[in-house]
Amino acid sequence: MLCGENTDGLSASLEDYLEVIFHLEQSNRVARAKDIADQMSVQRASVTGALKALSGRGLINYSPYSFVTLTPPGREIAREVIRRHKVLKEFFVNNLQLGPEEAEANACRIEHAIDPTAIERLVRFVEFMSICPRTGTDWFDAFARFCKHGHHTSDCQACLKLCTERMESELSTGSPAD
């Protein structure tokens, strides 16, 4: 999950440090500079510089040769970065039919650059696409086949007929069609 510059003024690198510290805190209750360096595959000197920068911004509790913990604002930023990453990766895998490794790499590159409005709109788009009677899971399955085999595999007339029948059934049973 290690990956530019975001709108909060934190570099992608500093966001990555917050992510790693968050995950280390989740598993070990605290983070150590050595563990951070190991997770990120960087030199300890790089970690020290980043920790000083994050501490100076009030995002972590840090003093040399001590444990590292996130402050409440640091934890909030880390959670948001992790959320953006998760949403993007799921979108790439489930909706754009990318493989997990390709989805991971793309989510990592984009997670630091996308603004909160765009990520929220993406989440709402995915939610809408999964519940809209004109799309839904049938639509995503058809898209997956289209990605895999090309445009010659989709039978739009049969798909429209099934969609219409499903909508009529939902209307007759009183289930919401939207």
C-alpha atoms as a PDB file:
ATOM      1  CA  MET A   1       0.000   0.000   0.000  1.00  0.00           C
ATOM      2  CA  LEU A   2       2.969   2.263  -0.216  1.00  0.00           C
ATOM      3  CA  CYS A   3       2.683   4.824  -2.869  1.00  0.00           C
ATOM      4  CA  GLY A   4       2.146  12.264  -4.870  1.00  0.00           C
ATOM      5  CA  GLU A   5       0.835  15.397  -3.045  1.00  0.00           C
ATOM      6  CA  ASN A   6      -2.637  15.692  -1.500  1.00  0.00           C
ATOM      7  CA  THR A   7      -4.886  18.619  -0.757  1.00  0.00           C
ATOM      8  CA  ASP A   8      -4.084  18.533   2.994  1.00  0.00           C
ATOM      9  CA  GLY A   9      -0.481  19.425   2.240  1.00  0.00           C
ATOM     10  CA  LEU A  10       0.904  16.032   3.228  1.00  0.00           C
ATOM     11  CA  SER A  11       3.047  14.278   0.687  1.00  0.00           C
ATOM     12  CA  ALA A  12       2.134  10.761  -0.377  1.00  0.00           C
ATOM     13  CA  SER A  13       5.196   9.560   1.484  1.00  0.00           C
ATOM     14  CA  LEU A  14       4.045  11.106   4.772  1.00  0.00           C
ATOM     15  CA  GLU A  15       0.562   9.674   4.251  1.00  0.00           C
ATOM     16  CA  ASP A  16       2.172   6.274   3.743  1.00  0.00           C
ATOM     17  CA  TYR A  17       4.015   6.651   7.046  1.00  0.00           C
ATOM     18  CA  LEU A  18       0.713   7.403   8.780  1.00  0.00           C
ATOM     19  CA  GLU A  19      -0.825   4.294   7.195  1.00  0.00           C
ATOM     20  CA  VAL A  20       2.033   2.082   8.327  1.00  0.00           C
ATOM     21  CA  ILE A  21       1.995   3.524  11.843  1.00  0.00           C
ATOM     22  CA  PHE A  22      -1.773   2.970  11.995  1.00  0.00           C
ATOM     23  CA  HIS A  23      -1.433  -0.686  10.974  1.00  0.00           C
ATOM     24  CA  LEU A  24       1.464  -1.251  13.383  1.00  0.00           C
ATOM     25  CA  GLU A  25      -0.580   0.290  16.202  1.00  0.00           C
ATOM     26  CA  GLN A  26      -3.459  -2.019  15.327  1.00  0.00           C
ATOM     27  CA  SER A  27      -1.269  -5.097  15.603  1.00  0.00           C
ATOM     28  CA  ASN A  28       1.289  -4.027  18.246  1.00  0.00           C
ATOM     29  CA  ARG A  29      -0.411  -1.077  20.057  1.00  0.00           C
ATOM     30  CA  VAL A  30       2.659   1.053  19.189  1.00  0.00           C
ATOM     31  CA  ALA A  31       5.084   1.449  16.303  1.00  0.00           C
ATOM     32  CA  ARG A  32       8.864   1.426  16.425  1.00  0.00           C
ATOM     33  CA  ALA A  33      11.105   3.176  13.899  1.00  0.00           C
ATOM     34  CA  LYS A  34      12.716  -0.158  13.019  1.00  0.00           C
ATOM     35  CA  ASP A  35       9.318  -1.747  12.271  1.00  0.00           C
ATOM     36  CA  ILE A  36       8.292   1.242  10.164  1.00  0.00           C
ATOM     37  CA  ALA A  37      11.544   1.018   8.178  1.00  0.00           C
ATOM     38  CA  ASP A  38      11.042  -2.717   7.654  1.00  0.00           C
ATOM     39  CA  GLN A  39       7.407  -2.301   6.518  1.00  0.00           C
ATOM     40  CA  MET A  40       8.250   0.475   4.097  1.00  0.00           C
ATOM     41  CA  SER A  41      11.590  -0.956   2.927  1.00  0.00           C
ATOM     42  CA  VAL A  42      13.406   2.291   3.662  1.00  0.00           C
ATOM     43  CA  GLN A  43      16.467   3.264   5.687  1.00  0.00           C
ATOM     44  CA  ARG A  44      16.069   4.194   9.356  1.00  0.00           C
ATOM     45  CA  ALA A  45      17.388   7.695   8.578  1.00  0.00           C
ATOM     46  CA  SER A  46      14.463   8.232   6.199  1.00  0.00           C
ATOM     47  CA  VAL A  47      12.068   7.109   8.895  1.00  0.00           C
ATOM     48  CA  THR A  48      13.594   9.509  11.417  1.00  0.00           C
ATOM     49  CA  GLY A  49      13.145  12.452   9.033  1.00  0.00           C
ATOM     50  CA  ALA A  50       9.542  11.533   8.326  1.00  0.00           C
ATOM     51  CA  LEU A  51       8.754  11.010  12.011  1.00  0.00           C
ATOM     52  CA  LYS A  52      10.164  14.436  12.841  1.00  0.00           C
ATOM     53  CA  ALA A  53       8.032  16.007  10.106  1.00  0.00           C
ATOM     54  CA  LEU A  54       4.874  14.211  11.270  1.00  0.00           C
ATOM     55  CA  SER A  55       5.583  15.066  14.902  1.00  0.00           C
ATOM     56  CA  GLY A  56       6.113  18.711  13.946  1.00  0.00           C
ATOM     57  CA  ARG A  57       2.637  18.721  12.401  1.00  0.00           C
ATOM     58  CA  GLY A  58       1.116  17.209  15.534  1.00  0.00           C
ATOM     59  CA  LEU A  59       0.145  13.973  13.778  1.00  0.00           C
ATOM     60  CA  ILE A  60       2.243  11.564  15.853  1.00  0.00           C
ATOM     61  CA  ASN A  61       3.737  11.294  19.305  1.00  0.00           C
ATOM     62  CA  TYR A  62       7.456  10.765  18.780  1.00  0.00           C
ATOM     63  CA  SER A  63      10.756  11.220  20.509  1.00  0.00           C
ATOM     64  CA  PRO A  64      14.024   9.532  19.459  1.00  0.00           C
ATOM     65  CA  TYR A  65      14.477   5.928  20.643  1.00  0.00           C
ATOM     66  CA  SER A  66      10.873   5.760  21.788  1.00  0.00           C
ATOM     67  CA  PHE A  67       7.650   4.239  20.553  1.00  0.00           C
ATOM     68  CA  VAL A  68       5.564   6.060  17.964  1.00  0.00           C
ATOM     69  CA  THR A  69       1.813   6.542  18.257  1.00  0.00           C
ATOM     70  CA  LEU A  70      -0.697   8.518  16.247  1.00  0.00           C
ATOM     71  CA  THR A  71      -2.379  11.570  17.699  1.00  0.00           C
ATOM     72  CA  PRO A  72      -6.150  11.853  17.131  1.00  0.00           C
ATOM     73  CA  PRO A  73      -5.648  14.086  14.033  1.00  0.00           C
ATOM     74  CA  GLY A  74      -2.987  11.666  12.710  1.00  0.00           C
ATOM     75  CA  ARG A  75      -5.307   8.708  13.253  1.00  0.00           C
ATOM     76  CA  GLU A  76      -8.110  10.520  11.413  1.00  0.00           C
ATOM     77  CA  ILE A  77      -5.881  11.211   8.397  1.00  0.00           C
ATOM     78  CA  ALA A  78      -4.561   7.631   8.399  1.00  0.00           C
ATOM     79  CA  ARG A  79      -8.101   6.213   8.474  1.00  0.00           C
ATOM     80  CA  GLU A  80      -9.130   8.453   5.575  1.00  0.00           C
ATOM     81  CA  VAL A  81      -6.119   7.417   3.468  1.00  0.00           C
ATOM     82  CA  ILE A  82      -6.849   3.749   4.209  1.00  0.00           C
ATOM     83  CA  ARG A  83     -10.534   4.272   3.336  1.00  0.00           C
ATOM     84  CA  ARG A  84      -9.684   5.929   0.016  1.00  0.00           C
ATOM     85  CA  HIS A  85      -7.316   3.091  -0.805  1.00  0.00           C
ATOM     86  CA  LYS A  86      -9.901   0.422   0.039  1.00  0.00           C
ATOM     87  CA  VAL A  87     -12.688   2.087  -1.963  1.00  0.00           C
ATOM     88  CA  LEU A  88     -10.453   2.553  -5.000  1.00  0.00           C
ATOM     89  CA  LYS A  89      -9.110  -0.994  -4.878  1.00  0.00           C
ATOM     90  CA  GLU A  90     -12.600  -2.475  -4.570  1.00  0.00           C
ATOM     91  CA  PHE A  91     -13.803  -0.315  -7.466  1.00  0.00           C
ATOM     92  CA  PHE A  92     -10.934  -1.462  -9.660  1.00  0.00           C
ATOM     93  CA  VAL A  93     -11.443  -5.139  -8.808  1.00  0.00           C
ATOM     94  CA  ASN A  94     -15.234  -5.349  -8.667  1.00  0.00           C
ATOM     95  CA  ASN A  95     -16.278  -2.760 -11.217  1.00  0.00           C
ATOM     96  CA  LEU A  96     -13.408  -2.352 -13.643  1.00  0.00           C
ATOM     97  CA  GLN A  97     -12.409  -6.032 -13.508  1.00  0.00           C
ATOM     98  CA  LEU A  98      -8.715  -5.443 -12.789  1.00  0.00           C
ATOM     99  CA  GLY A  99      -6.672  -8.126 -11.102  1.00  0.00           C
ATOM    100  CA  PRO A 100      -5.931  -7.659  -7.387  1.00  0.00           C
ATOM    101  CA  GLU A 101      -2.275  -6.702  -7.892  1.00  0.00           C
ATOM    102  CA  GLU A 102      -3.071  -4.214 -10.665  1.00  0.00           C
ATOM    103  CA  ALA A 103      -5.940  -2.809  -8.576  1.00  0.00           C
ATOM    104  CA  GLU A 104      -3.630  -2.447  -5.570  1.00  0.00           C
ATOM    105  CA  ALA A 105      -0.972  -0.594  -7.568  1.00  0.00           C
ATOM    106  CA  ASN A 106      -3.498   1.781  -9.139  1.00  0.00           C
ATOM    107  CA  ALA A 107      -5.297   2.445  -5.850  1.00  0.00           C
ATOM    108  CA  CYS A 108      -1.945   3.248  -4.292  1.00  0.00           C
ATOM    109  CA  ARG A 109      -1.111   5.787  -6.970  1.00  0.00           C
ATOM    110  CA  ILE A 110      -4.519   7.464  -6.913  1.00  0.00           C
ATOM    111  CA  GLU A 111      -5.348   7.391  -3.184  1.00  0.00           C
ATOM    112  CA  HIS A 112      -3.126  10.368  -2.405  1.00  0.00           C
ATOM    113  CA  ALA A 113      -4.279  12.536  -5.288  1.00  0.00           C
ATOM    114  CA  ILE A 114      -8.059  12.151  -5.274  1.00  0.00           C
ATOM    115  CA  ASP A 115      -9.954  14.815  -3.380  1.00  0.00           C
ATOM    116  CA  PRO A 116     -12.666  14.006  -0.817  1.00  0.00           C
ATOM    117  CA  THR A 117     -15.521  15.097  -3.087  1.00  0.00           C
ATOM    118  CA  ALA A 118     -14.353  12.838  -5.916  1.00  0.00           C
ATOM    119  CA  ILE A 119     -13.924   9.794  -3.663  1.00  0.00           C
ATOM    120  CA  GLU A 120     -17.347  10.340  -2.093  1.00  0.00           C
ATOM    121  CA  ARG A 121     -18.915  10.667  -5.536  1.00  0.00           C
ATOM    122  CA  LEU A 122     -17.177   7.459  -6.620  1.00  0.00           C
ATOM    123  CA  VAL A 123     -18.535   5.621  -3.580  1.00  0.00           C
ATOM    124  CA  ARG A 124     -22.051   6.899  -4.281  1.00  0.00           C
ATOM    125  CA  PHE A 125     -21.713   5.951  -7.960  1.00  0.00           C
ATOM    126  CA  VAL A 126     -20.776   2.386  -7.067  1.00  0.00           C
ATOM    127  CA  GLU A 127     -23.634   2.183  -4.568  1.00  0.00           C
ATOM    128  CA  PHE A 128     -26.068   3.537  -7.148  1.00  0.00           C
ATOM    129  CA  MET A 129     -24.868   1.154  -9.813  1.00  0.00           C
ATOM    130  CA  SER A 130     -25.394  -1.802  -7.498  1.00  0.00           C
ATOM    131  CA  ILE A 131     -29.007  -0.891  -6.640  1.00  0.00           C
ATOM    132  CA  CYS A 132     -30.346   0.806  -9.762  1.00  0.00           C
ATOM    133  CA  PRO A 133     -32.788  -1.549 -11.507  1.00  0.00           C
ATOM    134  CA  ARG A 134     -31.335  -0.478 -14.847  1.00  0.00           C
ATOM    135  CA  THR A 135     -27.958  -1.823 -13.753  1.00  0.00           C
ATOM    136  CA  GLY A 136     -27.440  -3.952 -10.646  1.00  0.00           C
ATOM    137  CA  THR A 137     -25.470  -7.144 -10.432  1.00  0.00           C
ATOM    138  CA  ASP A 138     -26.652  -8.336 -13.859  1.00  0.00           C
ATOM    139  CA  TRP A 139     -25.158  -5.222 -15.392  1.00  0.00           C
ATOM    140  CA  PHE A 140     -21.828  -5.701 -13.587  1.00  0.00           C
ATOM    141  CA  ASP A 141     -21.729  -9.359 -14.658  1.00  0.00           C
ATOM    142  CA  ALA A 142     -22.365  -8.334 -18.269  1.00  0.00           C
ATOM    143  CA  PHE A 143     -19.601  -5.741 -18.009  1.00  0.00           C
ATOM    144  CA  ALA A 144     -17.222  -8.371 -16.646  1.00  0.00           C
ATOM    145  CA  ARG A 145     -18.001 -10.616 -19.628  1.00  0.00           C
ATOM    146  CA  PHE A 146     -17.555  -7.653 -21.963  1.00  0.00           C
ATOM    147  CA  CYS A 147     -14.121  -6.919 -20.454  1.00  0.00           C
ATOM    148  CA  LYS A 148     -13.101 -10.531 -20.758  1.00  0.00           C
ATOM    149  CA  HIS A 149     -14.469 -11.390 -24.190  1.00  0.00           C
ATOM    150  CA  GLY A 150     -15.210  -8.151 -26.009  1.00  0.00           C
ATOM    151  CA  HIS A 151     -18.408  -6.625 -27.277  1.00  0.00           C
ATOM    152  CA  HIS A 152     -19.633  -9.682 -29.178  1.00  0.00           C
ATOM    153  CA  THR A 153     -20.651 -11.605 -26.038  1.00  0.00           C
ATOM    154  CA  SER A 154     -23.398  -9.343 -24.740  1.00  0.00           C
ATOM    155  CA  ASP A 155     -26.996  -9.997 -25.733  1.00  0.00           C
ATOM    156  CA  CYS A 156     -28.587  -6.629 -24.994  1.00  0.00           C
ATOM    157  CA  GLN A 157     -32.094  -7.663 -25.991  1.00  0.00           C
ATOM    158  CA  ALA A 158     -32.127 -10.636 -23.631  1.00  0.00           C
ATOM    159  CA  CYS A 159     -30.607  -8.516 -20.863  1.00  0.00           C
ATOM    160  CA  LEU A 160     -33.261  -5.811 -21.315  1.00  0.00           C
ATOM    161  CA  LYS A 161     -35.997  -8.449 -21.233  1.00  0.00           C
ATOM    162  CA  LEU A 162     -34.672  -9.896 -17.957  1.00  0.00           C
ATOM    163  CA  CYS A 163     -34.336  -6.436 -16.448  1.00  0.00           C
ATOM    164  CA  THR A 164     -37.893  -5.522 -17.443  1.00  0.00           C
ATOM    165  CA  GLU A 165     -39.228  -8.793 -16.020  1.00  0.00           C
ATOM    166  CA  ARG A 166     -37.350  -8.250 -12.758  1.00  0.00           C
ATOM    167  CA  MET A 167     -38.690  -4.695 -12.457  1.00  0.00           C
ATOM    168  CA  GLU A 168     -42.253  -5.820 -13.182  1.00  0.00           C
ATOM    169  CA  SER A 169     -41.941  -8.543 -10.574  1.00  0.00           C
ATOM    170  CA  GLU A 170     -40.659  -6.090  -7.986  1.00  0.00           C
ATOM    171  CA  LEU A 171     -43.503  -3.703  -8.752  1.00  0.00           C
ATOM    172  CA  SER A 172     -46.147  -6.418  -8.476  1.00  0.00           C
ATOM    173  CA  THR A 173     -44.780  -7.660  -5.125  1.00  0.00           C
ATOM    174  CA  GLY A 174     -44.555  -4.151  -3.712  1.00  0.00           C
ATOM    175  CA  SER A 175     -40.758  -4.162  -3.485  1.00  0.00           C
ATOM    176  CA  PRO A 176     -39.196  -0.844  -4.345  1.00  0.00           C
ATOM    177  CA  ALA A 177     -37.933  -0.794  -7.905  1.00  0.00           C
ATOM    178  CA  ASP A 178     -35.225   1.721  -7.074  1.00  0.00           C
END
